[in-house]
Amino acid sequence: DMLFNSTFLEEEIEREKKVVMEEIKMYEDTPDDHVHDLLAT
């Protein structure tokens, strides 16, 4: 059901953008994780 019938409502998308941007900040605050992404680059 999740895979085939997701609604992707605009308000959910906007809310989740904020969540993911917080996740990015959290990730950049974790240097022992973030350094692995820098290595990929």
PDB file of all heavy atoms in Angstrom:
ATOM      1  N   ASP A   1       0.843  -1.199   0.000  1.00  0.00           N
ATOM      2  CA  ASP A   1       0.000   0.000   0.000  1.00  0.00           C
ATOM      3  C   ASP A   1       0.884   1.256   0.000  1.00  0.00           C
ATOM      4  O   ASP A   1       0.655   2.208  -0.749  1.00  0.00           O
ATOM      5  CB  ASP A   1      -0.919  -0.021   1.229  1.00  0.00           C
ATOM      6  CG  ASP A   1      -1.930   1.121   1.234  1.00  0.00           C
ATOM      7  OD1 ASP A   1      -2.333   1.559   0.137  1.00  0.00           O
ATOM      8  OD2 ASP A   1      -2.317   1.571   2.335  1.00  0.00           O
ATOM      9  N   MET A   2       1.925   1.241   0.847  1.00  0.00           N
ATOM     10  CA  MET A   2       2.851   2.373   0.925  1.00  0.00           C
ATOM     11  C   MET A   2       3.552   2.605  -0.414  1.00  0.00           C
ATOM     12  O   MET A   2       3.727   3.735  -0.859  1.00  0.00           O
ATOM     13  CB  MET A   2       3.906   2.114   2.014  1.00  0.00           C
ATOM     14  CG  MET A   2       3.378   2.187   3.429  1.00  0.00           C
ATOM     15  SD  MET A   2       4.445   1.296   4.602  1.00  0.00           S
ATOM     16  CE  MET A   2       5.978   2.217   4.485  1.00  0.00           C
ATOM     17  N   LEU A   3       3.916   1.514  -1.042  1.00  0.00           N
ATOM     18  CA  LEU A   3       4.690   1.604  -2.286  1.00  0.00           C
ATOM     19  C   LEU A   3       3.844   2.064  -3.476  1.00  0.00           C
ATOM     20  O   LEU A   3       4.303   2.837  -4.312  1.00  0.00           O
ATOM     21  CB  LEU A   3       5.311   0.230  -2.586  1.00  0.00           C
ATOM     22  CG  LEU A   3       6.683   0.223  -3.241  1.00  0.00           C
ATOM     23  CD1 LEU A   3       7.701   0.962  -2.400  1.00  0.00           C
ATOM     24  CD2 LEU A   3       7.149  -1.189  -3.495  1.00  0.00           C
ATOM     25  N   PHE A   4       2.598   1.586  -3.544  1.00  0.00           N
ATOM     26  CA  PHE A   4       1.772   1.863  -4.734  1.00  0.00           C
ATOM     27  C   PHE A   4       0.800   3.023  -4.566  1.00  0.00           C
ATOM     28  O   PHE A   4       0.372   3.617  -5.539  1.00  0.00           O
ATOM     29  CB  PHE A   4       0.952   0.613  -5.115  1.00  0.00           C
ATOM     30  CG  PHE A   4       1.802  -0.563  -5.497  1.00  0.00           C
ATOM     31  CD1 PHE A   4       1.438  -1.848  -5.112  1.00  0.00           C
ATOM     32  CD2 PHE A   4       2.952  -0.393  -6.238  1.00  0.00           C
ATOM     33  CE1 PHE A   4       2.216  -2.940  -5.456  1.00  0.00           C
ATOM     34  CE2 PHE A   4       3.736  -1.476  -6.587  1.00  0.00           C
ATOM     35  CZ  PHE A   4       3.371  -2.753  -6.198  1.00  0.00           C
ATOM     36  N   ASN A   5       0.405   3.311  -3.330  1.00  0.00           N
ATOM     37  CA  ASN A   5      -0.698   4.266  -3.134  1.00  0.00           C
ATOM     38  C   ASN A   5      -0.330   5.503  -2.328  1.00  0.00           C
ATOM     39  O   ASN A   5      -1.201   6.173  -1.778  1.00  0.00           O
ATOM     40  CB  ASN A   5      -1.881   3.560  -2.444  1.00  0.00           C
ATOM     41  CG  ASN A   5      -2.359   2.363  -3.249  1.00  0.00           C
ATOM     42  OD1 ASN A   5      -2.493   2.452  -4.465  1.00  0.00           O
ATOM     43  ND2 ASN A   5      -2.584   1.247  -2.570  1.00  0.00           N
ATOM     44  N   SER A   6       0.962   5.812  -2.219  1.00  0.00           N
ATOM     45  CA  SER A   6       1.348   7.007  -1.461  1.00  0.00           C
ATOM     46  C   SER A   6       0.747   8.255  -2.094  1.00  0.00           C
ATOM     47  O   SER A   6       0.745   8.403  -3.319  1.00  0.00           O
ATOM     48  CB  SER A   6       2.873   7.131  -1.408  1.00  0.00           C
ATOM     49  OG  SER A   6       3.380   6.287  -0.403  1.00  0.00           O
ATOM     50  N   THR A   7       0.242   9.155  -1.238  1.00  0.00           N
ATOM     51  CA  THR A   7      -0.478  10.328  -1.771  1.00  0.00           C
ATOM     52  C   THR A   7       0.441  11.519  -2.043  1.00  0.00           C
ATOM     53  O   THR A   7       0.133  12.351  -2.891  1.00  0.00           O
ATOM     54  CB  THR A   7      -1.576  10.766  -0.776  1.00  0.00           C
ATOM     55  OG1 THR A   7      -1.019  10.721   0.540  1.00  0.00           O
ATOM     56  CG2 THR A   7      -2.772   9.851  -0.852  1.00  0.00           C
ATOM     57  N   PHE A   8       1.584  11.613  -1.339  1.00  0.00           N
ATOM     58  CA  PHE A   8       2.517  12.740  -1.497  1.00  0.00           C
ATOM     59  C   PHE A   8       1.786  14.084  -1.413  1.00  0.00           C
ATOM     60  O   PHE A   8       1.873  14.906  -2.320  1.00  0.00           O
ATOM     61  CB  PHE A   8       3.285  12.652  -2.828  1.00  0.00           C
ATOM     62  CG  PHE A   8       4.048  11.380  -3.034  1.00  0.00           C
ATOM     63  CD1 PHE A   8       4.090  10.761  -4.280  1.00  0.00           C
ATOM     64  CD2 PHE A   8       4.748  10.788  -1.988  1.00  0.00           C
ATOM     65  CE1 PHE A   8       4.802   9.578  -4.472  1.00  0.00           C
ATOM     66  CE2 PHE A   8       5.467   9.611  -2.177  1.00  0.00           C
ATOM     67  CZ  PHE A   8       5.487   9.002  -3.424  1.00  0.00           C
ATOM     68  N   LEU A   9       1.058  14.297  -0.339  1.00  0.00           N
ATOM     69  CA  LEU A   9       0.334  15.563  -0.160  1.00  0.00           C
ATOM     70  C   LEU A   9       1.325  16.716  -0.006  1.00  0.00           C
ATOM     71  O   LEU A   9       2.368  16.562   0.646  1.00  0.00           O
ATOM     72  CB  LEU A   9      -0.567  15.500   1.084  1.00  0.00           C
ATOM     73  CG  LEU A   9      -1.681  14.441   1.054  1.00  0.00           C
ATOM     74  CD1 LEU A   9      -2.373  14.355   2.405  1.00  0.00           C
ATOM     75  CD2 LEU A   9      -2.690  14.747  -0.046  1.00  0.00           C
ATOM     76  N   GLU A  10       0.981  17.866  -0.600  1.00  0.00           N
ATOM     77  CA  GLU A  10       1.896  19.021  -0.595  1.00  0.00           C
ATOM     78  C   GLU A  10       2.322  19.413   0.820  1.00  0.00           C
ATOM     79  O   GLU A  10       3.497  19.678   1.068  1.00  0.00           O
ATOM     80  CB  GLU A  10       1.244  20.235  -1.285  1.00  0.00           C
ATOM     81  CG  GLU A  10       1.014  20.073  -2.782  1.00  0.00           C
ATOM     82  CD  GLU A  10       2.300  19.984  -3.609  1.00  0.00           C
ATOM     83  OE1 GLU A  10       3.378  20.286  -3.057  1.00  0.00           O
ATOM     84  OE2 GLU A  10       2.220  19.614  -4.796  1.00  0.00           O
ATOM     85  N   GLU A  11       1.332  19.435   1.764  1.00  0.00           N
ATOM     86  CA  GLU A  11       1.704  19.866   3.127  1.00  0.00           C
ATOM     87  C   GLU A  11       2.652  18.867   3.792  1.00  0.00           C
ATOM     88  O   GLU A  11       3.533  19.234   4.571  1.00  0.00           O
ATOM     89  CB  GLU A  11       0.463  20.125   4.012  1.00  0.00           C
ATOM     90  CG  GLU A  11      -0.414  18.909   4.283  1.00  0.00           C
ATOM     91  CD  GLU A  11      -1.599  18.805   3.329  1.00  0.00           C
ATOM     92  OE1 GLU A  11      -1.477  19.265   2.170  1.00  0.00           O
ATOM     93  OE2 GLU A  11      -2.629  18.266   3.764  1.00  0.00           O
ATOM     94  N   GLU A  12       2.471  17.565   3.455  1.00  0.00           N
ATOM     95  CA  GLU A  12       3.387  16.539   3.985  1.00  0.00           C
ATOM     96  C   GLU A  12       4.783  16.715   3.398  1.00  0.00           C
ATOM     97  O   GLU A  12       5.783  16.568   4.097  1.00  0.00           O
ATOM     98  CB  GLU A  12       2.863  15.125   3.658  1.00  0.00           C
ATOM     99  CG  GLU A  12       1.658  14.683   4.466  1.00  0.00           C
ATOM    100  CD  GLU A  12       1.989  14.319   5.912  1.00  0.00           C
ATOM    101  OE1 GLU A  12       3.156  14.450   6.320  1.00  0.00           O
ATOM    102  OE2 GLU A  12       1.055  13.932   6.642  1.00  0.00           O
ATOM    103  N   ILE A  13       4.841  17.021   2.095  1.00  0.00           N
ATOM    104  CA  ILE A  13       6.133  17.222   1.431  1.00  0.00           C
ATOM    105  C   ILE A  13       6.870  18.396   2.081  1.00  0.00           C
ATOM    106  O   ILE A  13       8.055  18.289   2.410  1.00  0.00           O
ATOM    107  CB  ILE A  13       5.941  17.466  -0.097  1.00  0.00           C
ATOM    108  CG1 ILE A  13       5.474  16.170  -0.773  1.00  0.00           C
ATOM    109  CG2 ILE A  13       7.244  17.962  -0.742  1.00  0.00           C
ATOM    110  CD1 ILE A  13       5.133  16.300  -2.251  1.00  0.00           C
ATOM    111  N   GLU A  14       6.167  19.501   2.291  1.00  0.00           N
ATOM    112  CA  GLU A  14       6.800  20.693   2.879  1.00  0.00           C
ATOM    113  C   GLU A  14       7.289  20.401   4.305  1.00  0.00           C
ATOM    114  O   GLU A  14       8.365  20.824   4.707  1.00  0.00           O
ATOM    115  CB  GLU A  14       5.831  21.886   2.882  1.00  0.00           C
ATOM    116  CG  GLU A  14       5.528  22.441   1.498  1.00  0.00           C
ATOM    117  CD  GLU A  14       6.779  22.694   0.654  1.00  0.00           C
ATOM    118  OE1 GLU A  14       7.720  23.343   1.159  1.00  0.00           O
ATOM    119  OE2 GLU A  14       6.845  22.219  -0.503  1.00  0.00           O
ATOM    120  N   ARG A  15       6.473  19.665   5.051  1.00  0.00           N
ATOM    121  CA  ARG A  15       6.857  19.327   6.432  1.00  0.00           C
ATOM    122  C   ARG A  15       8.087  18.414   6.432  1.00  0.00           C
ATOM    123  O   ARG A  15       9.009  18.593   7.221  1.00  0.00           O
ATOM    124  CB  ARG A  15       5.685  18.645   7.139  1.00  0.00           C
ATOM    125  CG  ARG A  15       5.849  18.590   8.652  1.00  0.00           C
ATOM    126  CD  ARG A  15       4.686  17.919   9.337  1.00  0.00           C
ATOM    127  NE  ARG A  15       3.410  18.552   9.013  1.00  0.00           N
ATOM    128  CZ  ARG A  15       2.312  17.885   8.645  1.00  0.00           C
ATOM    129  NH1 ARG A  15       2.346  16.580   8.531  1.00  0.00           N
ATOM    130  NH2 ARG A  15       1.200  18.523   8.367  1.00  0.00           N
ATOM    131  N   GLU A  16       8.078  17.445   5.524  1.00  0.00           N
ATOM    132  CA  GLU A  16       9.183  16.471   5.494  1.00  0.00           C
ATOM    133  C   GLU A  16      10.489  17.109   5.010  1.00  0.00           C
ATOM    134  O   GLU A  16      11.573  16.682   5.398  1.00  0.00           O
ATOM    135  CB  GLU A  16       8.812  15.265   4.619  1.00  0.00           C
ATOM    136  CG  GLU A  16       9.532  13.975   4.988  1.00  0.00           C
ATOM    137  CD  GLU A  16       9.352  13.566   6.448  1.00  0.00           C
ATOM    138  OE1 GLU A  16       8.288  13.845   7.037  1.00  0.00           O
ATOM    139  OE2 GLU A  16      10.290  12.959   7.003  1.00  0.00           O
ATOM    140  N   LYS A  17      10.358  18.150   4.175  1.00  0.00           N
ATOM    141  CA  LYS A  17      11.564  18.878   3.749  1.00  0.00           C
ATOM    142  C   LYS A  17      12.280  19.434   4.976  1.00  0.00           C
ATOM    143  O   LYS A  17      13.504  19.362   5.097  1.00  0.00           O
ATOM    144  CB  LYS A  17      11.198  20.037   2.807  1.00  0.00           C
ATOM    145  CG  LYS A  17      10.888  19.596   1.382  1.00  0.00           C
ATOM    146  CD  LYS A  17      10.541  20.801   0.522  1.00  0.00           C
ATOM    147  CE  LYS A  17      10.155  20.381  -0.888  1.00  0.00           C
ATOM    148  NZ  LYS A  17       9.774  21.530  -1.725  1.00  0.00           N
ATOM    149  N   LYS A  18      11.483  19.985   5.913  1.00  0.00           N
ATOM    150  CA  LYS A  18      12.074  20.546   7.137  1.00  0.00           C
ATOM    151  C   LYS A  18      12.761  19.441   7.960  1.00  0.00           C
ATOM    152  O   LYS A  18      13.842  19.639   8.500  1.00  0.00           O
ATOM    153  CB  LYS A  18      10.999  21.249   7.976  1.00  0.00           C
ATOM    154  CG  LYS A  18      10.464  22.508   7.288  1.00  0.00           C
ATOM    155  CD  LYS A  18       9.789  23.475   8.237  1.00  0.00           C
ATOM    156  CE  LYS A  18       8.468  23.030   8.734  1.00  0.00           C
ATOM    157  NZ  LYS A  18       7.542  23.994   9.216  1.00  0.00           N
ATOM    158  N   VAL A  19      12.107  18.265   8.013  1.00  0.00           N
ATOM    159  CA  VAL A  19      12.662  17.132   8.766  1.00  0.00           C
ATOM    160  C   VAL A  19      14.011  16.707   8.173  1.00  0.00           C
ATOM    161  O   VAL A  19      14.996  16.517   8.895  1.00  0.00           O
ATOM    162  CB  VAL A  19      11.674  15.932   8.760  1.00  0.00           C
ATOM    163  CG1 VAL A  19      12.331  14.686   9.350  1.00  0.00           C
ATOM    164  CG2 VAL A  19      10.409  16.273   9.530  1.00  0.00           C
ATOM    165  N   VAL A  20      14.056  16.578   6.844  1.00  0.00           N
ATOM    166  CA  VAL A  20      15.293  16.124   6.187  1.00  0.00           C
ATOM    167  C   VAL A  20      16.394  17.183   6.324  1.00  0.00           C
ATOM    168  O   VAL A  20      17.561  16.847   6.515  1.00  0.00           O
ATOM    169  CB  VAL A  20      15.036  15.748   4.709  1.00  0.00           C
ATOM    170  CG1 VAL A  20      16.344  15.429   3.985  1.00  0.00           C
ATOM    171  CG2 VAL A  20      14.113  14.522   4.624  1.00  0.00           C
ATOM    172  N   MET A  21      16.016  18.453   6.270  1.00  0.00           N
ATOM    173  CA  MET A  21      17.035  19.505   6.436  1.00  0.00           C
ATOM    174  C   MET A  21      17.599  19.494   7.859  1.00  0.00           C
ATOM    175  O   MET A  21      18.769  19.772   8.061  1.00  0.00           O
ATOM    176  CB  MET A  21      16.460  20.877   6.043  1.00  0.00           C
ATOM    177  CG  MET A  21      16.298  20.977   4.526  1.00  0.00           C
ATOM    178  SD  MET A  21      15.968  22.617   3.912  1.00  0.00           S
ATOM    179  CE  MET A  21      14.223  22.767   4.025  1.00  0.00           C
ATOM    180  N   GLU A  22      16.751  19.127   8.833  1.00  0.00           N
ATOM    181  CA  GLU A  22      17.257  18.951  10.205  1.00  0.00           C
ATOM    182  C   GLU A  22      18.189  17.729  10.261  1.00  0.00           C
ATOM    183  O   GLU A  22      19.195  17.738  10.979  1.00  0.00           O
ATOM    184  CB  GLU A  22      16.103  18.768  11.199  1.00  0.00           C
ATOM    185  CG  GLU A  22      15.316  20.028  11.495  1.00  0.00           C
ATOM    186  CD  GLU A  22      16.168  21.171  12.013  1.00  0.00           C
ATOM    187  OE1 GLU A  22      17.130  20.924  12.772  1.00  0.00           O
ATOM    188  OE2 GLU A  22      15.895  22.328  11.633  1.00  0.00           O
ATOM    189  N   GLU A  23      17.821  16.696   9.506  1.00  0.00           N
ATOM    190  CA  GLU A  23      18.659  15.490   9.458  1.00  0.00           C
ATOM    191  C   GLU A  23      20.038  15.832   8.886  1.00  0.00           C
ATOM    192  O   GLU A  23      21.066  15.332   9.353  1.00  0.00           O
ATOM    193  CB  GLU A  23      17.968  14.417   8.600  1.00  0.00           C
ATOM    194  CG  GLU A  23      18.607  13.052   8.716  1.00  0.00           C
ATOM    195  CD  GLU A  23      17.924  11.970   7.869  1.00  0.00           C
ATOM    196  OE1 GLU A  23      16.819  12.206   7.331  1.00  0.00           O
ATOM    197  OE2 GLU A  23      18.503  10.895   7.751  1.00  0.00           O
ATOM    198  N   ILE A  24      20.066  16.702   7.859  1.00  0.00           N
ATOM    199  CA  ILE A  24      21.340  17.122   7.262  1.00  0.00           C
ATOM    200  C   ILE A  24      22.183  17.861   8.308  1.00  0.00           C
ATOM    201  O   ILE A  24      23.380  17.607   8.455  1.00  0.00           O
ATOM    202  CB  ILE A  24      21.104  18.025   6.019  1.00  0.00           C
ATOM    203  CG1 ILE A  24      20.481  17.201   4.883  1.00  0.00           C
ATOM    204  CG2 ILE A  24      22.412  18.668   5.542  1.00  0.00           C
ATOM    205  CD1 ILE A  24      20.034  18.022   3.671  1.00  0.00           C
ATOM    206  N   LYS A  25      21.534  18.762   9.067  1.00  0.00           N
ATOM    207  CA  LYS A  25      22.268  19.515  10.108  1.00  0.00           C
ATOM    208  C   LYS A  25      22.822  18.564  11.174  1.00  0.00           C
ATOM    209  O   LYS A  25      23.972  18.697  11.620  1.00  0.00           O
ATOM    210  CB  LYS A  25      21.343  20.533  10.780  1.00  0.00           C
ATOM    211  CG  LYS A  25      20.955  21.714   9.897  1.00  0.00           C
ATOM    212  CD  LYS A  25      20.307  22.812  10.759  1.00  0.00           C
ATOM    213  CE  LYS A  25      19.683  23.897   9.907  1.00  0.00           C
ATOM    214  NZ  LYS A  25      18.307  23.613   9.499  1.00  0.00           N
ATOM    215  N   MET A  26      21.990  17.617  11.570  1.00  0.00           N
ATOM    216  CA  MET A  26      22.391  16.653  12.594  1.00  0.00           C
ATOM    217  C   MET A  26      23.618  15.863  12.112  1.00  0.00           C
ATOM    218  O   MET A  26      24.574  15.624  12.847  1.00  0.00           O
ATOM    219  CB  MET A  26      21.220  15.690  12.862  1.00  0.00           C
ATOM    220  CG  MET A  26      21.485  14.644  13.904  1.00  0.00           C
ATOM    221  SD  MET A  26      20.037  13.593  14.139  1.00  0.00           S
ATOM    222  CE  MET A  26      20.285  12.363  12.882  1.00  0.00           C
ATOM    223  N   TYR A  27      23.553  15.515  10.841  1.00  0.00           N
ATOM    224  CA  TYR A  27      24.602  14.733  10.221  1.00  0.00           C
ATOM    225  C   TYR A  27      25.910  15.529  10.146  1.00  0.00           C
ATOM    226  O   TYR A  27      26.988  15.019  10.434  1.00  0.00           O
ATOM    227  CB  TYR A  27      24.101  14.368   8.818  1.00  0.00           C
ATOM    228  CG  TYR A  27      25.026  13.524   8.027  1.00  0.00           C
ATOM    229  CD1 TYR A  27      25.388  12.269   8.482  1.00  0.00           C
ATOM    230  CD2 TYR A  27      25.540  13.958   6.814  1.00  0.00           C
ATOM    231  CE1 TYR A  27      26.244  11.480   7.755  1.00  0.00           C
ATOM    232  CE2 TYR A  27      26.380  13.180   6.075  1.00  0.00           C
ATOM    233  CZ  TYR A  27      26.738  11.941   6.553  1.00  0.00           C
ATOM    234  OH  TYR A  27      27.593  11.168   5.834  1.00  0.00           O
ATOM    235  N   GLU A  28      25.775  16.825   9.802  1.00  0.00           N
ATOM    236  CA  GLU A  28      26.981  17.665   9.716  1.00  0.00           C
ATOM    237  C   GLU A  28      27.553  17.970  11.096  1.00  0.00           C
ATOM    238  O   GLU A  28      28.716  18.332  11.226  1.00  0.00           O
ATOM    239  CB  GLU A  28      26.678  18.958   8.951  1.00  0.00           C
ATOM    240  CG  GLU A  28      26.534  18.666   7.459  1.00  0.00           C
ATOM    241  CD  GLU A  28      26.185  19.876   6.618  1.00  0.00           C
ATOM    242  OE1 GLU A  28      25.845  20.924   7.215  1.00  0.00           O
ATOM    243  OE2 GLU A  28      26.245  19.774   5.382  1.00  0.00           O
ATOM    244  N   ASP A  29      26.718  17.800  12.125  1.00  0.00           N
ATOM    245  CA  ASP A  29      27.195  17.946  13.508  1.00  0.00           C
ATOM    246  C   ASP A  29      27.850  16.667  14.026  1.00  0.00           C
ATOM    247  O   ASP A  29      28.265  16.607  15.185  1.00  0.00           O
ATOM    248  CB  ASP A  29      26.024  18.307  14.440  1.00  0.00           C
ATOM    249  CG  ASP A  29      25.771  19.803  14.469  1.00  0.00           C
ATOM    250  OD1 ASP A  29      26.648  20.549  13.999  1.00  0.00           O
ATOM    251  OD2 ASP A  29      24.690  20.214  14.934  1.00  0.00           O
ATOM    252  N   THR A  30      27.876  15.636  13.191  1.00  0.00           N
ATOM    253  CA  THR A  30      28.487  14.358  13.586  1.00  0.00           C
ATOM    254  C   THR A  30      29.705  14.123  12.692  1.00  0.00           C
ATOM    255  O   THR A  30      29.628  13.417  11.685  1.00  0.00           O
ATOM    256  CB  THR A  30      27.472  13.195  13.411  1.00  0.00           C
ATOM    257  OG1 THR A  30      26.193  13.640  13.839  1.00  0.00           O
ATOM    258  CG2 THR A  30      27.878  11.959  14.179  1.00  0.00           C
ATOM    259  N   PRO A  31      30.836  14.745  13.051  1.00  0.00           N
ATOM    260  CA  PRO A  31      31.982  14.728  12.135  1.00  0.00           C
ATOM    261  C   PRO A  31      32.517  13.336  11.810  1.00  0.00           C
ATOM    262  O   PRO A  31      33.016  13.098  10.712  1.00  0.00           O
ATOM    263  CB  PRO A  31      33.035  15.570  12.857  1.00  0.00           C
ATOM    264  CG  PRO A  31      32.581  15.660  14.267  1.00  0.00           C
ATOM    265  CD  PRO A  31      31.108  15.525  14.255  1.00  0.00           C
ATOM    266  N   ASP A  32      32.392  12.399  12.770  1.00  0.00           N
ATOM    267  CA  ASP A  32      32.913  11.058  12.477  1.00  0.00           C
ATOM    268  C   ASP A  32      32.063  10.335  11.429  1.00  0.00           C
ATOM    269  O   ASP A  32      32.489   9.328  10.862  1.00  0.00           O
ATOM    270  CB  ASP A  32      33.055  10.207  13.750  1.00  0.00           C
ATOM    271  CG  ASP A  32      31.793  10.177  14.585  1.00  0.00           C
ATOM    272  OD1 ASP A  32      31.014  11.143  14.507  1.00  0.00           O
ATOM    273  OD2 ASP A  32      31.568   9.194  15.311  1.00  0.00           O
ATOM    274  N   ASP A  33      30.845  10.832  11.163  1.00  0.00           N
ATOM    275  CA  ASP A  33      30.031  10.337  10.039  1.00  0.00           C
ATOM    276  C   ASP A  33      30.303  11.171   8.789  1.00  0.00           C
ATOM    277  O   ASP A  33      30.506  10.638   7.705  1.00  0.00           O
ATOM    278  CB  ASP A  33      28.523  10.466  10.360  1.00  0.00           C
ATOM    279  CG  ASP A  33      28.008   9.252  11.107  1.00  0.00           C
ATOM    280  OD1 ASP A  33      28.746   8.257  11.174  1.00  0.00           O
ATOM    281  OD2 ASP A  33      26.887   9.314  11.637  1.00  0.00           O
ATOM    282  N   HIS A  34      30.284  12.472   8.986  1.00  0.00           N
ATOM    283  CA  HIS A  34      30.370  13.415   7.868  1.00  0.00           C
ATOM    284  C   HIS A  34      31.674  13.251   7.075  1.00  0.00           C
ATOM    285  O   HIS A  34      31.703  13.414   5.859  1.00  0.00           O
ATOM    286  CB  HIS A  34      30.234  14.838   8.427  1.00  0.00           C
ATOM    287  CG  HIS A  34      30.163  15.897   7.381  1.00  0.00           C
ATOM    288  ND1 HIS A  34      29.387  15.763   6.253  1.00  0.00           N
ATOM    289  CD2 HIS A  34      30.790  17.109   7.274  1.00  0.00           C
ATOM    290  CE1 HIS A  34      29.533  16.851   5.506  1.00  0.00           C
ATOM    291  NE2 HIS A  34      30.376  17.673   6.101  1.00  0.00           N
ATOM    292  N   VAL A  35      32.750  12.897   7.773  1.00  0.00           N
ATOM    293  CA  VAL A  35      34.059  12.769   7.113  1.00  0.00           C
ATOM    294  C   VAL A  35      34.043  11.668   6.032  1.00  0.00           C
ATOM    295  O   VAL A  35      34.751  11.747   5.032  1.00  0.00           O
ATOM    296  CB  VAL A  35      35.180  12.531   8.175  1.00  0.00           C
ATOM    297  CG1 VAL A  35      35.119  11.136   8.769  1.00  0.00           C
ATOM    298  CG2 VAL A  35      36.559  12.800   7.569  1.00  0.00           C
ATOM    299  N   HIS A  36      33.158  10.675   6.203  1.00  0.00           N
ATOM    300  CA  HIS A  36      33.076   9.595   5.203  1.00  0.00           C
ATOM    301  C   HIS A  36      32.462  10.108   3.895  1.00  0.00           C
ATOM    302  O   HIS A  36      32.816   9.645   2.813  1.00  0.00           O
ATOM    303  CB  HIS A  36      32.273   8.412   5.757  1.00  0.00           C
ATOM    304  CG  HIS A  36      32.947   7.744   6.909  1.00  0.00           C
ATOM    305  ND1 HIS A  36      33.855   6.716   6.761  1.00  0.00           N
ATOM    306  CD2 HIS A  36      32.897   7.981   8.241  1.00  0.00           C
ATOM    307  CE1 HIS A  36      34.304   6.347   7.936  1.00  0.00           C
ATOM    308  NE2 HIS A  36      33.740   7.106   8.859  1.00  0.00           N
ATOM    309  N   ASP A  37      31.515  11.057   4.014  1.00  0.00           N
ATOM    310  CA  ASP A  37      30.948  11.679   2.813  1.00  0.00           C
ATOM    311  C   ASP A  37      31.975  12.552   2.107  1.00  0.00           C
ATOM    312  O   ASP A  37      32.023  12.601   0.881  1.00  0.00           O
ATOM    313  CB  ASP A  37      29.729  12.535   3.183  1.00  0.00           C
ATOM    314  CG  ASP A  37      28.434  11.803   2.878  1.00  0.00           C
ATOM    315  OD1 ASP A  37      28.514  10.654   2.410  1.00  0.00           O
ATOM    316  OD2 ASP A  37      27.353  12.368   3.105  1.00  0.00           O
ATOM    317  N   LEU A  38      32.776  13.259   2.886  1.00  0.00           N
ATOM    318  CA  LEU A  38      33.839  14.079   2.297  1.00  0.00           C
ATOM    319  C   LEU A  38      34.828  13.180   1.556  1.00  0.00           C
ATOM    320  O   LEU A  38      35.336  13.533   0.495  1.00  0.00           O
ATOM    321  CB  LEU A  38      34.576  14.878   3.374  1.00  0.00           C
ATOM    322  CG  LEU A  38      33.783  15.974   4.091  1.00  0.00           C
ATOM    323  CD1 LEU A  38      34.670  16.687   5.110  1.00  0.00           C
ATOM    324  CD2 LEU A  38      33.233  16.998   3.097  1.00  0.00           C
ATOM    325  N   LEU A  39      35.086  11.997   2.127  1.00  0.00           N
ATOM    326  CA  LEU A  39      36.002  11.063   1.455  1.00  0.00           C
ATOM    327  C   LEU A  39      35.431  10.602   0.115  1.00  0.00           C
ATOM    328  O   LEU A  39      36.149  10.471  -0.870  1.00  0.00           O
ATOM    329  CB  LEU A  39      36.293   9.848   2.347  1.00  0.00           C
ATOM    330  CG  LEU A  39      37.300   8.860   1.713  1.00  0.00           C
ATOM    331  CD1 LEU A  39      38.704   9.452   1.701  1.00  0.00           C
ATOM    332  CD2 LEU A  39      37.317   7.530   2.439  1.00  0.00           C
ATOM    333  N   ALA A  40      34.103  10.372   0.074  1.00  0.00           N
ATOM    334  CA  ALA A  40      33.460   9.969  -1.192  1.00  0.00           C
ATOM    335  C   ALA A  40      33.669  11.041  -2.254  1.00  0.00           C
ATOM    336  O   ALA A  40      33.953  10.743  -3.424  1.00  0.00           O
ATOM    337  CB  ALA A  40      31.972   9.712  -0.972  1.00  0.00           C
ATOM    338  N   THR A  41      33.574  12.312  -1.858  1.00  0.00           N
ATOM    339  CA  THR A  41      33.800  13.416  -2.799  1.00  0.00           C
ATOM    340  C   THR A  41      35.268  13.463  -3.227  1.00  0.00           C
ATOM    341  O   THR A  41      35.584  13.671  -4.400  1.00  0.00           O
ATOM    342  CB  THR A  41      33.391  14.762  -2.157  1.00  0.00           C
ATOM    343  OG1 THR A  41      32.058  14.625  -1.660  1.00  0.00           O
ATOM    344  CG2 THR A  41      33.439  15.900  -3.149  1.00  0.00           C
TER     345      THR A  41
END
